[in-house]
Amino acid sequence: MCFMSSILEPSEGLPSWTFFSNHAHVLVCVAKQPNMRLGDIARRVGIRERTVHRIIQDLSESGYITIIKDGRNNVYEVNLNRPLRHPLEADHDIRAVISPLLKKSKSS
């Protein structure tokens, strides 16, 4: 399962923004479940499947994930050693951000 069990609808009084970009949400999904289908990722993140496809291509072209064909399906391998992209965080790799999100919560 990804980090959300369903799409979260904005609640009244809560901000509509999140701390992570859609790229980060997609990366967390494939790190947690490497064989997750694009449609499932789209529903979890709350974006369209075509947007997930574009994000997967961005992440692949930048070396953050490797796409491995498994028959008709894709399996994604995350490269946690890649640096964060913004100059403010470039001295850290994505492992620093993603790894804590991959741990099972105490309530799981």
C-alpha atoms as a PDB file:
ATOM      1  CA  MET A   1       0.000   0.000   0.000  1.00  0.00           C
ATOM      2  CA  CYS A   2       1.061   3.533  -0.618  1.00  0.00           C
ATOM      3  CA  PHE A   3       1.088   6.189   2.091  1.00  0.00           C
ATOM      4  CA  MET A   4      -2.605   6.994   1.642  1.00  0.00           C
ATOM      5  CA  SER A   5      -5.372   4.434   1.685  1.00  0.00           C
ATOM      6  CA  SER A   6      -7.558   6.634  -0.491  1.00  0.00           C
ATOM      7  CA  ILE A   7      -7.618  10.057  -2.066  1.00  0.00           C
ATOM      8  CA  LEU A   8      -7.749  12.718   0.594  1.00  0.00           C
ATOM      9  CA  GLU A   9     -10.328  15.371  -0.119  1.00  0.00           C
ATOM     10  CA  PRO A  10      -9.543  18.874   1.145  1.00  0.00           C
ATOM     11  CA  SER A  11     -11.448  19.504   4.354  1.00  0.00           C
ATOM     12  CA  GLU A  12     -12.964  22.800   5.267  1.00  0.00           C
ATOM     13  CA  GLY A  13     -10.442  24.816   7.227  1.00  0.00           C
ATOM     14  CA  LEU A  14      -7.428  22.783   6.077  1.00  0.00           C
ATOM     15  CA  PRO A  15      -4.952  24.185   3.540  1.00  0.00           C
ATOM     16  CA  SER A  16      -5.120  22.784   0.015  1.00  0.00           C
ATOM     17  CA  TRP A  17      -1.320  22.537  -0.283  1.00  0.00           C
ATOM     18  CA  THR A  18       1.010  19.794   0.942  1.00  0.00           C
ATOM     19  CA  PHE A  19       4.682  19.779   1.891  1.00  0.00           C
ATOM     20  CA  PHE A  20       5.604  17.370  -0.896  1.00  0.00           C
ATOM     21  CA  SER A  21       5.253  17.743  -4.641  1.00  0.00           C
ATOM     22  CA  ASN A  22       3.427  15.246  -6.820  1.00  0.00           C
ATOM     23  CA  HIS A  23       6.871  13.981  -7.885  1.00  0.00           C
ATOM     24  CA  ALA A  24       7.654  13.165  -4.247  1.00  0.00           C
ATOM     25  CA  HIS A  25       4.262  11.508  -3.736  1.00  0.00           C
ATOM     26  CA  VAL A  26       4.777   9.300  -6.804  1.00  0.00           C
ATOM     27  CA  LEU A  27       8.316   8.451  -5.680  1.00  0.00           C
ATOM     28  CA  VAL A  28       7.058   7.398  -2.235  1.00  0.00           C
ATOM     29  CA  CYS A  29       4.385   5.208  -3.850  1.00  0.00           C
ATOM     30  CA  VAL A  30       6.844   3.333  -6.063  1.00  0.00           C
ATOM     31  CA  ALA A  31       9.374   3.062  -3.224  1.00  0.00           C
ATOM     32  CA  LYS A  32       6.719   1.443  -1.026  1.00  0.00           C
ATOM     33  CA  GLN A  33       5.250  -0.760  -3.753  1.00  0.00           C
ATOM     34  CA  PRO A  34       7.615  -1.117  -6.754  1.00  0.00           C
ATOM     35  CA  ASN A  35       5.048  -2.897  -8.910  1.00  0.00           C
ATOM     36  CA  MET A  36       2.188  -0.442  -8.335  1.00  0.00           C
ATOM     37  CA  ARG A  37       0.268   0.364 -11.513  1.00  0.00           C
ATOM     38  CA  LEU A  38       0.034   3.938 -12.799  1.00  0.00           C
ATOM     39  CA  GLY A  39      -3.744   4.063 -12.284  1.00  0.00           C
ATOM     40  CA  ASP A  40      -3.350   3.020  -8.651  1.00  0.00           C
ATOM     41  CA  ILE A  41      -0.639   5.631  -8.106  1.00  0.00           C
ATOM     42  CA  ALA A  42      -2.879   8.275  -9.701  1.00  0.00           C
ATOM     43  CA  ARG A  43      -5.768   7.444  -7.353  1.00  0.00           C
ATOM     44  CA  ARG A  44      -3.490   7.447  -4.296  1.00  0.00           C
ATOM     45  CA  VAL A  45      -1.832  10.749  -5.123  1.00  0.00           C
ATOM     46  CA  GLY A  46      -5.008  12.374  -6.412  1.00  0.00           C
ATOM     47  CA  ILE A  47      -3.769  13.174  -9.917  1.00  0.00           C
ATOM     48  CA  ARG A  48      -4.498  11.875 -13.401  1.00  0.00           C
ATOM     49  CA  GLU A  49      -2.838   8.759 -14.778  1.00  0.00           C
ATOM     50  CA  ARG A  50      -1.278  10.744 -17.625  1.00  0.00           C
ATOM     51  CA  THR A  51       0.349  13.037 -15.041  1.00  0.00           C
ATOM     52  CA  VAL A  52       1.756   9.996 -13.210  1.00  0.00           C
ATOM     53  CA  HIS A  53       3.166   8.737 -16.520  1.00  0.00           C
ATOM     54  CA  ARG A  54       4.910  12.086 -17.104  1.00  0.00           C
ATOM     55  CA  ILE A  55       6.275  12.128 -13.536  1.00  0.00           C
ATOM     56  CA  ILE A  56       7.559   8.547 -13.881  1.00  0.00           C
ATOM     57  CA  GLN A  57       9.345   9.586 -17.099  1.00  0.00           C
ATOM     58  CA  ASP A  58      10.834  12.659 -15.350  1.00  0.00           C
ATOM     59  CA  LEU A  59      12.080  10.534 -12.458  1.00  0.00           C
ATOM     60  CA  SER A  60      13.483   7.911 -14.824  1.00  0.00           C
ATOM     61  CA  GLU A  61      15.247  10.415 -17.099  1.00  0.00           C
ATOM     62  CA  SER A  62      16.786  12.093 -14.030  1.00  0.00           C
ATOM     63  CA  GLY A  63      18.059   8.785 -12.617  1.00  0.00           C
ATOM     64  CA  TYR A  64      15.806   8.700  -9.557  1.00  0.00           C
ATOM     65  CA  ILE A  65      14.084   5.504 -10.663  1.00  0.00           C
ATOM     66  CA  THR A  66      14.817   2.659 -13.046  1.00  0.00           C
ATOM     67  CA  ILE A  67      11.914   1.118 -14.942  1.00  0.00           C
ATOM     68  CA  ILE A  68      12.198  -2.668 -15.230  1.00  0.00           C
ATOM     69  CA  LYS A  69       9.863  -4.545 -17.568  1.00  0.00           C
ATOM     70  CA  ASP A  70       8.258  -7.623 -16.005  1.00  0.00           C
ATOM     71  CA  GLY A  71       6.161  -9.119 -18.768  1.00  0.00           C
ATOM     72  CA  ARG A  72       3.478  -6.563 -19.534  1.00  0.00           C
ATOM     73  CA  ASN A  73       4.026  -4.725 -16.268  1.00  0.00           C
ATOM     74  CA  ASN A  74       6.638  -2.317 -14.981  1.00  0.00           C
ATOM     75  CA  VAL A  75       8.559  -2.594 -11.731  1.00  0.00           C
ATOM     76  CA  TYR A  76      10.254   0.523 -10.404  1.00  0.00           C
ATOM     77  CA  GLU A  77      13.586   0.583  -8.611  1.00  0.00           C
ATOM     78  CA  VAL A  78      14.291   3.767  -6.648  1.00  0.00           C
ATOM     79  CA  ASN A  79      17.836   5.136  -6.498  1.00  0.00           C
ATOM     80  CA  LEU A  80      17.929   6.575  -2.975  1.00  0.00           C
ATOM     81  CA  ASN A  81      21.481   7.872  -3.470  1.00  0.00           C
ATOM     82  CA  ARG A  82      20.481  10.639  -5.905  1.00  0.00           C
ATOM     83  CA  PRO A  83      20.788  14.183  -4.518  1.00  0.00           C
ATOM     84  CA  LEU A  84      17.805  16.388  -3.882  1.00  0.00           C
ATOM     85  CA  ARG A  85      17.397  18.741  -6.838  1.00  0.00           C
ATOM     86  CA  HIS A  86      17.112  22.203  -5.298  1.00  0.00           C
ATOM     87  CA  PRO A  87      20.409  23.944  -4.417  1.00  0.00           C
ATOM     88  CA  LEU A  88      19.212  24.463  -0.823  1.00  0.00           C
ATOM     89  CA  GLU A  89      19.029  20.683  -0.287  1.00  0.00           C
ATOM     90  CA  ALA A  90      21.484  19.383  -2.899  1.00  0.00           C
ATOM     91  CA  ASP A  91      23.969  18.269  -0.232  1.00  0.00           C
ATOM     92  CA  HIS A  92      21.432  15.615   0.880  1.00  0.00           C
ATOM     93  CA  ASP A  93      20.224  12.571  -1.023  1.00  0.00           C
ATOM     94  CA  ILE A  94      16.598  11.529  -1.347  1.00  0.00           C
ATOM     95  CA  ARG A  95      17.171   8.726   1.174  1.00  0.00           C
ATOM     96  CA  ALA A  96      17.089  11.392   3.909  1.00  0.00           C
ATOM     97  CA  VAL A  97      13.561  12.393   2.921  1.00  0.00           C
ATOM     98  CA  ILE A  98      12.082   9.148   1.603  1.00  0.00           C
ATOM     99  CA  SER A  99      13.403   6.597   4.115  1.00  0.00           C
ATOM    100  CA  PRO A 100      11.414   7.891   7.113  1.00  0.00           C
ATOM    101  CA  LEU A 101       8.263   7.787   4.979  1.00  0.00           C
ATOM    102  CA  LEU A 102       8.883   4.144   4.062  1.00  0.00           C
ATOM    103  CA  LYS A 103       8.885   2.936   7.676  1.00  0.00           C
ATOM    104  CA  LYS A 104       5.693   1.359   8.908  1.00  0.00           C
ATOM    105  CA  SER A 105       3.749   3.621  11.218  1.00  0.00           C
ATOM    106  CA  LYS A 106       3.157   2.405  14.763  1.00  0.00           C
ATOM    107  CA  SER A 107      -0.587   2.244  14.076  1.00  0.00           C
ATOM    108  CA  SER A 108      -0.132  -0.077  11.040  1.00  0.00           C
END
